[in-house]
């Protein structure tokens, strides 16, 4: 499958999560993008460590989320 020439950026807080809850349609949408080899980038302005946020997202999404900045 050809790698797309674009990426998708998601703000975590308020876009894919609302408070402690994951927005229902976000998970299958993100998993579909990953299956299509679309690069996905998560951004957040919380004070949580990047590695902790990456682990949290990995657990919820069922995919490996790396922490880079």
PDB file of N, CA and C in Angstrom:
ATOM      1  N   UNK A   1       0.843  -1.176   0.000  1.00  0.00           N
ATOM      2  CA  UNK A   1       0.000   0.000   0.000  1.00  0.00           C
ATOM      3  C   UNK A   1       0.890   1.242   0.000  1.00  0.00           C
ATOM      4  N   UNK A   2       0.548   2.201  -0.802  1.00  0.00           N
ATOM      5  CA  UNK A   2       1.316   3.430  -0.928  1.00  0.00           C
ATOM      6  C   UNK A   2       1.156   4.294   0.325  1.00  0.00           C
ATOM      7  N   UNK A   3       2.271   4.885   0.776  1.00  0.00           N
ATOM      8  CA  UNK A   3       2.226   5.782   1.917  1.00  0.00           C
ATOM      9  C   UNK A   3       1.670   7.133   1.474  1.00  0.00           C
ATOM     10  N   UNK A   4       0.672   7.639   2.172  1.00  0.00           N
ATOM     11  CA  UNK A   4       0.095   8.940   1.801  1.00  0.00           C
ATOM     12  C   UNK A   4       1.125  10.065   1.929  1.00  0.00           C
ATOM     13  N   UNK A   5       0.896  11.149   1.217  1.00  0.00           N
ATOM     14  CA  UNK A   5       1.800  12.296   1.297  1.00  0.00           C
ATOM     15  C   UNK A   5       1.235  13.361   2.236  1.00  0.00           C
ATOM     16  N   UNK A   6       0.520  12.912   3.254  1.00  0.00           N
ATOM     17  CA  UNK A   6      -0.028  13.811   4.265  1.00  0.00           C
ATOM     18  C   UNK A   6      -0.046  13.079   5.598  1.00  0.00           C
ATOM     19  N   UNK A   7      -0.263  13.816   6.661  1.00  0.00           N
ATOM     20  CA  UNK A   7      -0.390  13.239   7.993  1.00  0.00           C
ATOM     21  C   UNK A   7      -1.603  13.863   8.665  1.00  0.00           C
ATOM     22  N   UNK A   8      -2.092  13.223   9.702  1.00  0.00           N
ATOM     23  CA  UNK A   8      -3.210  13.761  10.478  1.00  0.00           C
ATOM     24  C   UNK A   8      -2.725  14.097  11.879  1.00  0.00           C
ATOM     25  N   UNK A   9      -2.993  15.307  12.306  1.00  0.00           N
ATOM     26  CA  UNK A   9      -2.657  15.764  13.649  1.00  0.00           C
ATOM     27  C   UNK A   9      -3.946  15.831  14.462  1.00  0.00           C
ATOM     28  N   UNK A  10      -3.897  15.279  15.670  1.00  0.00           N
ATOM     29  CA  UNK A  10      -5.058  15.305  16.554  1.00  0.00           C
ATOM     30  C   UNK A  10      -4.684  15.941  17.879  1.00  0.00           C
ATOM     31  N   UNK A  11      -5.453  16.929  18.286  1.00  0.00           N
ATOM     32  CA  UNK A  11      -5.332  17.459  19.639  1.00  0.00           C
ATOM     33  C   UNK A  11      -6.025  16.447  20.544  1.00  0.00           C
ATOM     34  N   UNK A  12      -5.324  15.986  21.541  1.00  0.00           N
ATOM     35  CA  UNK A  12      -5.874  14.934  22.393  1.00  0.00           C
ATOM     36  C   UNK A  12      -7.048  15.451  23.219  1.00  0.00           C
ATOM     37  N   UNK A  13      -6.838  16.539  23.913  1.00  0.00           N
ATOM     38  CA  UNK A  13      -7.808  17.036  24.886  1.00  0.00           C
ATOM     39  C   UNK A  13      -8.934  17.812  24.203  1.00  0.00           C
ATOM     40  N   UNK A  14     -10.121  17.243  24.240  1.00  0.00           N
ATOM     41  CA  UNK A  14     -11.283  17.886  23.653  1.00  0.00           C
ATOM     42  C   UNK A  14     -11.591  17.438  22.240  1.00  0.00           C
ATOM     43  N   UNK A  15     -10.665  16.726  21.602  1.00  0.00           N
ATOM     44  CA  UNK A  15     -10.896  16.242  20.241  1.00  0.00           C
ATOM     45  C   UNK A  15     -11.042  14.721  20.235  1.00  0.00           C
ATOM     46  N   UNK A  16     -10.058  14.009  20.805  1.00  0.00           N
ATOM     47  CA  UNK A  16     -10.209  12.551  20.889  1.00  0.00           C
ATOM     48  C   UNK A  16     -10.555  12.092  22.305  1.00  0.00           C
ATOM     49  N   UNK A  17     -10.376  12.984  23.272  1.00  0.00           N
ATOM     50  CA  UNK A  17     -10.839  12.696  24.630  1.00  0.00           C
ATOM     51  C   UNK A  17     -11.633  13.891  25.131  1.00  0.00           C
ATOM     52  N   UNK A  18     -12.552  13.609  26.020  1.00  0.00           N
ATOM     53  CA  UNK A  18     -13.300  14.677  26.686  1.00  0.00           C
ATOM     54  C   UNK A  18     -13.233  14.359  28.164  1.00  0.00           C
ATOM     55  N   UNK A  19     -12.362  15.088  28.860  1.00  0.00           N
ATOM     56  CA  UNK A  19     -12.088  14.751  30.248  1.00  0.00           C
ATOM     57  C   UNK A  19     -11.397  13.396  30.273  1.00  0.00           C
ATOM     58  N   UNK A  20     -11.806  12.515  31.159  1.00  0.00           N
ATOM     59  CA  UNK A  20     -11.172  11.190  31.226  1.00  0.00           C
ATOM     60  C   UNK A  20     -11.725  10.196  30.200  1.00  0.00           C
ATOM     61  N   UNK A  21     -12.722  10.607  29.429  1.00  0.00           N
ATOM     62  CA  UNK A  21     -13.400   9.688  28.509  1.00  0.00           C
ATOM     63  C   UNK A  21     -12.912   9.838  27.079  1.00  0.00           C
ATOM     64  N   UNK A  22     -12.775   8.716  26.405  1.00  0.00           N
ATOM     65  CA  UNK A  22     -12.376   8.696  25.000  1.00  0.00           C
ATOM     66  C   UNK A  22     -13.623   8.897  24.154  1.00  0.00           C
ATOM     67  N   UNK A  23     -13.574   9.797  23.185  1.00  0.00           N
ATOM     68  CA  UNK A  23     -14.720  10.040  22.315  1.00  0.00           C
ATOM     69  C   UNK A  23     -14.933   8.801  21.441  1.00  0.00           C
ATOM     70  N   UNK A  24     -16.140   8.283  21.431  1.00  0.00           N
ATOM     71  CA  UNK A  24     -16.468   6.985  20.841  1.00  0.00           C
ATOM     72  C   UNK A  24     -15.978   6.801  19.411  1.00  0.00           C
ATOM     73  N   UNK A  25     -16.198   7.758  18.545  1.00  0.00           N
ATOM     74  CA  UNK A  25     -15.843   7.594  17.132  1.00  0.00           C
ATOM     75  C   UNK A  25     -14.361   7.808  16.860  1.00  0.00           C
ATOM     76  N   UNK A  26     -13.628   8.324  17.829  1.00  0.00           N
ATOM     77  CA  UNK A  26     -12.209   8.617  17.605  1.00  0.00           C
ATOM     78  C   UNK A  26     -11.380   7.347  17.422  1.00  0.00           C
ATOM     79  N   UNK A  27     -11.623   6.350  18.253  1.00  0.00           N
ATOM     80  CA  UNK A  27     -10.810   5.131  18.204  1.00  0.00           C
ATOM     81  C   UNK A  27     -10.875   4.433  16.847  1.00  0.00           C
ATOM     82  N   UNK A  28     -12.057   4.105  16.314  1.00  0.00           N
ATOM     83  CA  UNK A  28     -12.073   3.439  15.003  1.00  0.00           C
ATOM     84  C   UNK A  28     -11.534   4.329  13.885  1.00  0.00           C
ATOM     85  N   UNK A  29     -11.735   5.625  13.985  1.00  0.00           N
ATOM     86  CA  UNK A  29     -11.218   6.530  12.948  1.00  0.00           C
ATOM     87  C   UNK A  29      -9.696   6.524  12.937  1.00  0.00           C
ATOM     88  N   UNK A  30      -9.089   6.595  14.107  1.00  0.00           N
ATOM     89  CA  UNK A  30      -7.625   6.596  14.202  1.00  0.00           C
ATOM     90  C   UNK A  30      -7.071   5.243  13.775  1.00  0.00           C
ATOM     91  N   UNK A  31      -7.710   4.161  14.195  1.00  0.00           N
ATOM     92  CA  UNK A  31      -7.251   2.831  13.792  1.00  0.00           C
ATOM     93  C   UNK A  31      -7.330   2.656  12.278  1.00  0.00           C
ATOM     94  N   UNK A  32      -8.354   3.194  11.641  1.00  0.00           N
ATOM     95  CA  UNK A  32      -8.466   3.126  10.181  1.00  0.00           C
ATOM     96  C   UNK A  32      -7.336   3.892   9.515  1.00  0.00           C
ATOM     97  N   UNK A  33      -7.036   5.083  10.012  1.00  0.00           N
ATOM     98  CA  UNK A  33      -5.926   5.864   9.453  1.00  0.00           C
ATOM     99  C   UNK A  33      -4.613   5.094   9.561  1.00  0.00           C
ATOM    100  N   UNK A  34      -4.387   4.465  10.700  1.00  0.00           N
ATOM    101  CA  UNK A  34      -3.156   3.693  10.908  1.00  0.00           C
ATOM    102  C   UNK A  34      -3.109   2.512   9.935  1.00  0.00           C
ATOM    103  N   UNK A  35      -4.227   1.823   9.742  1.00  0.00           N
ATOM    104  CA  UNK A  35      -4.280   0.701   8.797  1.00  0.00           C
ATOM    105  C   UNK A  35      -3.996   1.159   7.372  1.00  0.00           C
ATOM    106  N   UNK A  36      -4.332   2.395   7.057  1.00  0.00           N
ATOM    107  CA  UNK A  36      -4.087   2.956   5.726  1.00  0.00           C
ATOM    108  C   UNK A  36      -2.702   3.591   5.607  1.00  0.00           C
ATOM    109  N   UNK A  37      -1.862   3.380   6.629  1.00  0.00           N
ATOM    110  CA  UNK A  37      -0.490   3.911   6.670  1.00  0.00           C
ATOM    111  C   UNK A  37      -0.426   5.433   6.688  1.00  0.00           C
ATOM    112  N   UNK A  38      -1.473   6.072   7.175  1.00  0.00           N
ATOM    113  CA  UNK A  38      -1.458   7.529   7.314  1.00  0.00           C
ATOM    114  C   UNK A  38      -0.717   7.859   8.609  1.00  0.00           C
ATOM    115  N   UNK A  39       0.337   8.674   8.544  1.00  0.00           N
ATOM    116  CA  UNK A  39       1.014   9.081   9.779  1.00  0.00           C
ATOM    117  C   UNK A  39       0.047   9.865  10.675  1.00  0.00           C
ATOM    118  N   UNK A  40       0.013   9.492  11.943  1.00  0.00           N
ATOM    119  CA  UNK A  40      -0.876  10.135  12.905  1.00  0.00           C
ATOM    120  C   UNK A  40      -0.019  10.747  14.004  1.00  0.00           C
ATOM    121  N   UNK A  41      -0.275  12.022  14.296  1.00  0.00           N
ATOM    122  CA  UNK A  41       0.470  12.749  15.325  1.00  0.00           C
ATOM    123  C   UNK A  41      -0.533  13.248  16.354  1.00  0.00           C
ATOM    124  N   UNK A  42      -0.206  13.036  17.624  1.00  0.00           N
ATOM    125  CA  UNK A  42      -1.059  13.504  18.713  1.00  0.00           C
ATOM    126  C   UNK A  42      -0.370  14.666  19.405  1.00  0.00           C
ATOM    127  N   UNK A  43      -1.125  15.721  19.665  1.00  0.00           N
ATOM    128  CA  UNK A  43      -0.576  16.881  20.367  1.00  0.00           C
ATOM    129  C   UNK A  43      -1.444  17.175  21.588  1.00  0.00           C
ATOM    130  N   UNK A  44      -0.796  17.745  22.600  1.00  0.00           N
ATOM    131  CA  UNK A  44      -1.503  18.064  23.833  1.00  0.00           C
ATOM    132  C   UNK A  44      -0.763  19.184  24.548  1.00  0.00           C
ATOM    133  N   UNK A  45      -1.495  19.973  25.284  1.00  0.00           N
ATOM    134  CA  UNK A  45      -0.858  21.009  26.088  1.00  0.00           C
ATOM    135  C   UNK A  45      -0.985  20.721  27.579  1.00  0.00           C
ATOM    136  N   UNK A  46      -1.204  19.462  27.928  1.00  0.00           N
ATOM    137  CA  UNK A  46      -1.300  19.095  29.338  1.00  0.00           C
ATOM    138  C   UNK A  46       0.093  19.021  29.944  1.00  0.00           C
ATOM    139  N   UNK A  47       0.134  18.992  31.259  1.00  0.00           N
ATOM    140  CA  UNK A  47       1.424  18.907  31.944  1.00  0.00           C
ATOM    141  C   UNK A  47       1.863  17.461  32.166  1.00  0.00           C
ATOM    142  N   UNK A  48       1.105  16.498  31.672  1.00  0.00           N
ATOM    143  CA  UNK A  48       1.473  15.086  31.800  1.00  0.00           C
ATOM    144  C   UNK A  48       2.720  14.805  30.960  1.00  0.00           C
ATOM    145  N   UNK A  49       3.617  13.973  31.465  1.00  0.00           N
ATOM    146  CA  UNK A  49       4.809  13.602  30.706  1.00  0.00           C
ATOM    147  C   UNK A  49       4.418  12.956  29.388  1.00  0.00           C
ATOM    148  N   UNK A  50       5.189  13.260  28.342  1.00  0.00           N
ATOM    149  CA  UNK A  50       4.895  12.715  27.019  1.00  0.00           C
ATOM    150  C   UNK A  50       4.857  11.194  27.034  1.00  0.00           C
ATOM    151  N   UNK A  51       5.801  10.580  27.749  1.00  0.00           N
ATOM    152  CA  UNK A  51       5.852   9.116  27.784  1.00  0.00           C
ATOM    153  C   UNK A  51       4.612   8.540  28.467  1.00  0.00           C
ATOM    154  N   UNK A  52       4.126   9.206  29.511  1.00  0.00           N
ATOM    155  CA  UNK A  52       2.915   8.737  30.195  1.00  0.00           C
ATOM    156  C   UNK A  52       1.689   8.880  29.300  1.00  0.00           C
ATOM    157  N   UNK A  53       1.597  10.000  28.593  1.00  0.00           N
ATOM    158  CA  UNK A  53       0.467  10.230  27.688  1.00  0.00           C
ATOM    159  C   UNK A  53       0.505   9.219  26.541  1.00  0.00           C
ATOM    160  N   UNK A  54       1.706   8.920  26.035  1.00  0.00           N
ATOM    161  CA  UNK A  54       1.846   7.941  24.954  1.00  0.00           C
ATOM    162  C   UNK A  54       1.397   6.556  25.426  1.00  0.00           C
ATOM    163  N   UNK A  55       1.775   6.173  26.632  1.00  0.00           N
ATOM    164  CA  UNK A  55       1.352   4.877  27.177  1.00  0.00           C
ATOM    165  C   UNK A  55      -0.163   4.819  27.335  1.00  0.00           C
ATOM    166  N   UNK A  56      -0.735   5.914  27.816  1.00  0.00           N
ATOM    167  CA  UNK A  56      -2.180   5.980  28.006  1.00  0.00           C
ATOM    168  C   UNK A  56      -2.912   5.821  26.671  1.00  0.00           C
ATOM    169  N   UNK A  57      -2.454   6.548  25.654  1.00  0.00           N
ATOM    170  CA  UNK A  57      -3.078   6.441  24.332  1.00  0.00           C
ATOM    171  C   UNK A  57      -2.879   5.056  23.735  1.00  0.00           C
ATOM    172  N   UNK A  58      -1.696   4.479  23.923  1.00  0.00           N
ATOM    173  CA  UNK A  58      -1.418   3.133  23.416  1.00  0.00           C
ATOM    174  C   UNK A  58      -2.407   2.127  23.988  1.00  0.00           C
ATOM    175  N   UNK A  59      -2.650   2.229  25.281  1.00  0.00           N
ATOM    176  CA  UNK A  59      -3.577   1.301  25.937  1.00  0.00           C
ATOM    177  C   UNK A  59      -5.001   1.463  25.423  1.00  0.00           C
ATOM    178  N   UNK A  60      -5.432   2.685  25.237  1.00  0.00           N
ATOM    179  CA  UNK A  60      -6.804   2.940  24.798  1.00  0.00           C
ATOM    180  C   UNK A  60      -7.002   2.554  23.338  1.00  0.00           C
ATOM    181  N   UNK A  61      -6.017   2.889  22.488  1.00  0.00           N
ATOM    182  CA  UNK A  61      -6.150   2.648  21.053  1.00  0.00           C
ATOM    183  C   UNK A  61      -5.778   1.232  20.630  1.00  0.00           C
ATOM    184  N   UNK A  62      -4.983   0.545  21.447  1.00  0.00           N
ATOM    185  CA  UNK A  62      -4.528  -0.789  21.076  1.00  0.00           C
ATOM    186  C   UNK A  62      -3.431  -0.768  20.031  1.00  0.00           C
ATOM    187  N   UNK A  63      -2.712   0.344  19.936  1.00  0.00           N
ATOM    188  CA  UNK A  63      -1.577   0.491  19.021  1.00  0.00           C
ATOM    189  C   UNK A  63      -0.427   1.121  19.795  1.00  0.00           C
ATOM    190  N   UNK A  64       0.773   1.064  19.236  1.00  0.00           N
ATOM    191  CA  UNK A  64       1.919   1.680  19.894  1.00  0.00           C
ATOM    192  C   UNK A  64       1.995   3.152  19.520  1.00  0.00           C
ATOM    193  N   UNK A  65       1.945   4.004  20.528  1.00  0.00           N
ATOM    194  CA  UNK A  65       2.099   5.443  20.335  1.00  0.00           C
ATOM    195  C   UNK A  65       3.446   5.824  20.928  1.00  0.00           C
ATOM    196  N   UNK A  66       4.325   6.373  20.103  1.00  0.00           N
ATOM    197  CA  UNK A  66       5.648   6.795  20.560  1.00  0.00           C
ATOM    198  C   UNK A  66       5.576   8.234  21.039  1.00  0.00           C
ATOM    199  N   UNK A  67       6.397   8.559  22.019  1.00  0.00           N
ATOM    200  CA  UNK A  67       6.418   9.941  22.507  1.00  0.00           C
ATOM    201  C   UNK A  67       7.628  10.662  21.940  1.00  0.00           C
ATOM    202  N   UNK A  68       7.363  11.654  21.127  1.00  0.00           N
ATOM    203  CA  UNK A  68       8.390  12.513  20.556  1.00  0.00           C
ATOM    204  C   UNK A  68       7.898  13.938  20.653  1.00  0.00           C
ATOM    205  N   UNK A  69       8.837  14.869  20.693  1.00  0.00           N
ATOM    206  CA  UNK A  69       8.448  16.276  20.638  1.00  0.00           C
ATOM    207  C   UNK A  69       9.536  17.087  20.015  1.00  0.00           C
TER     208      UNK A  69
END
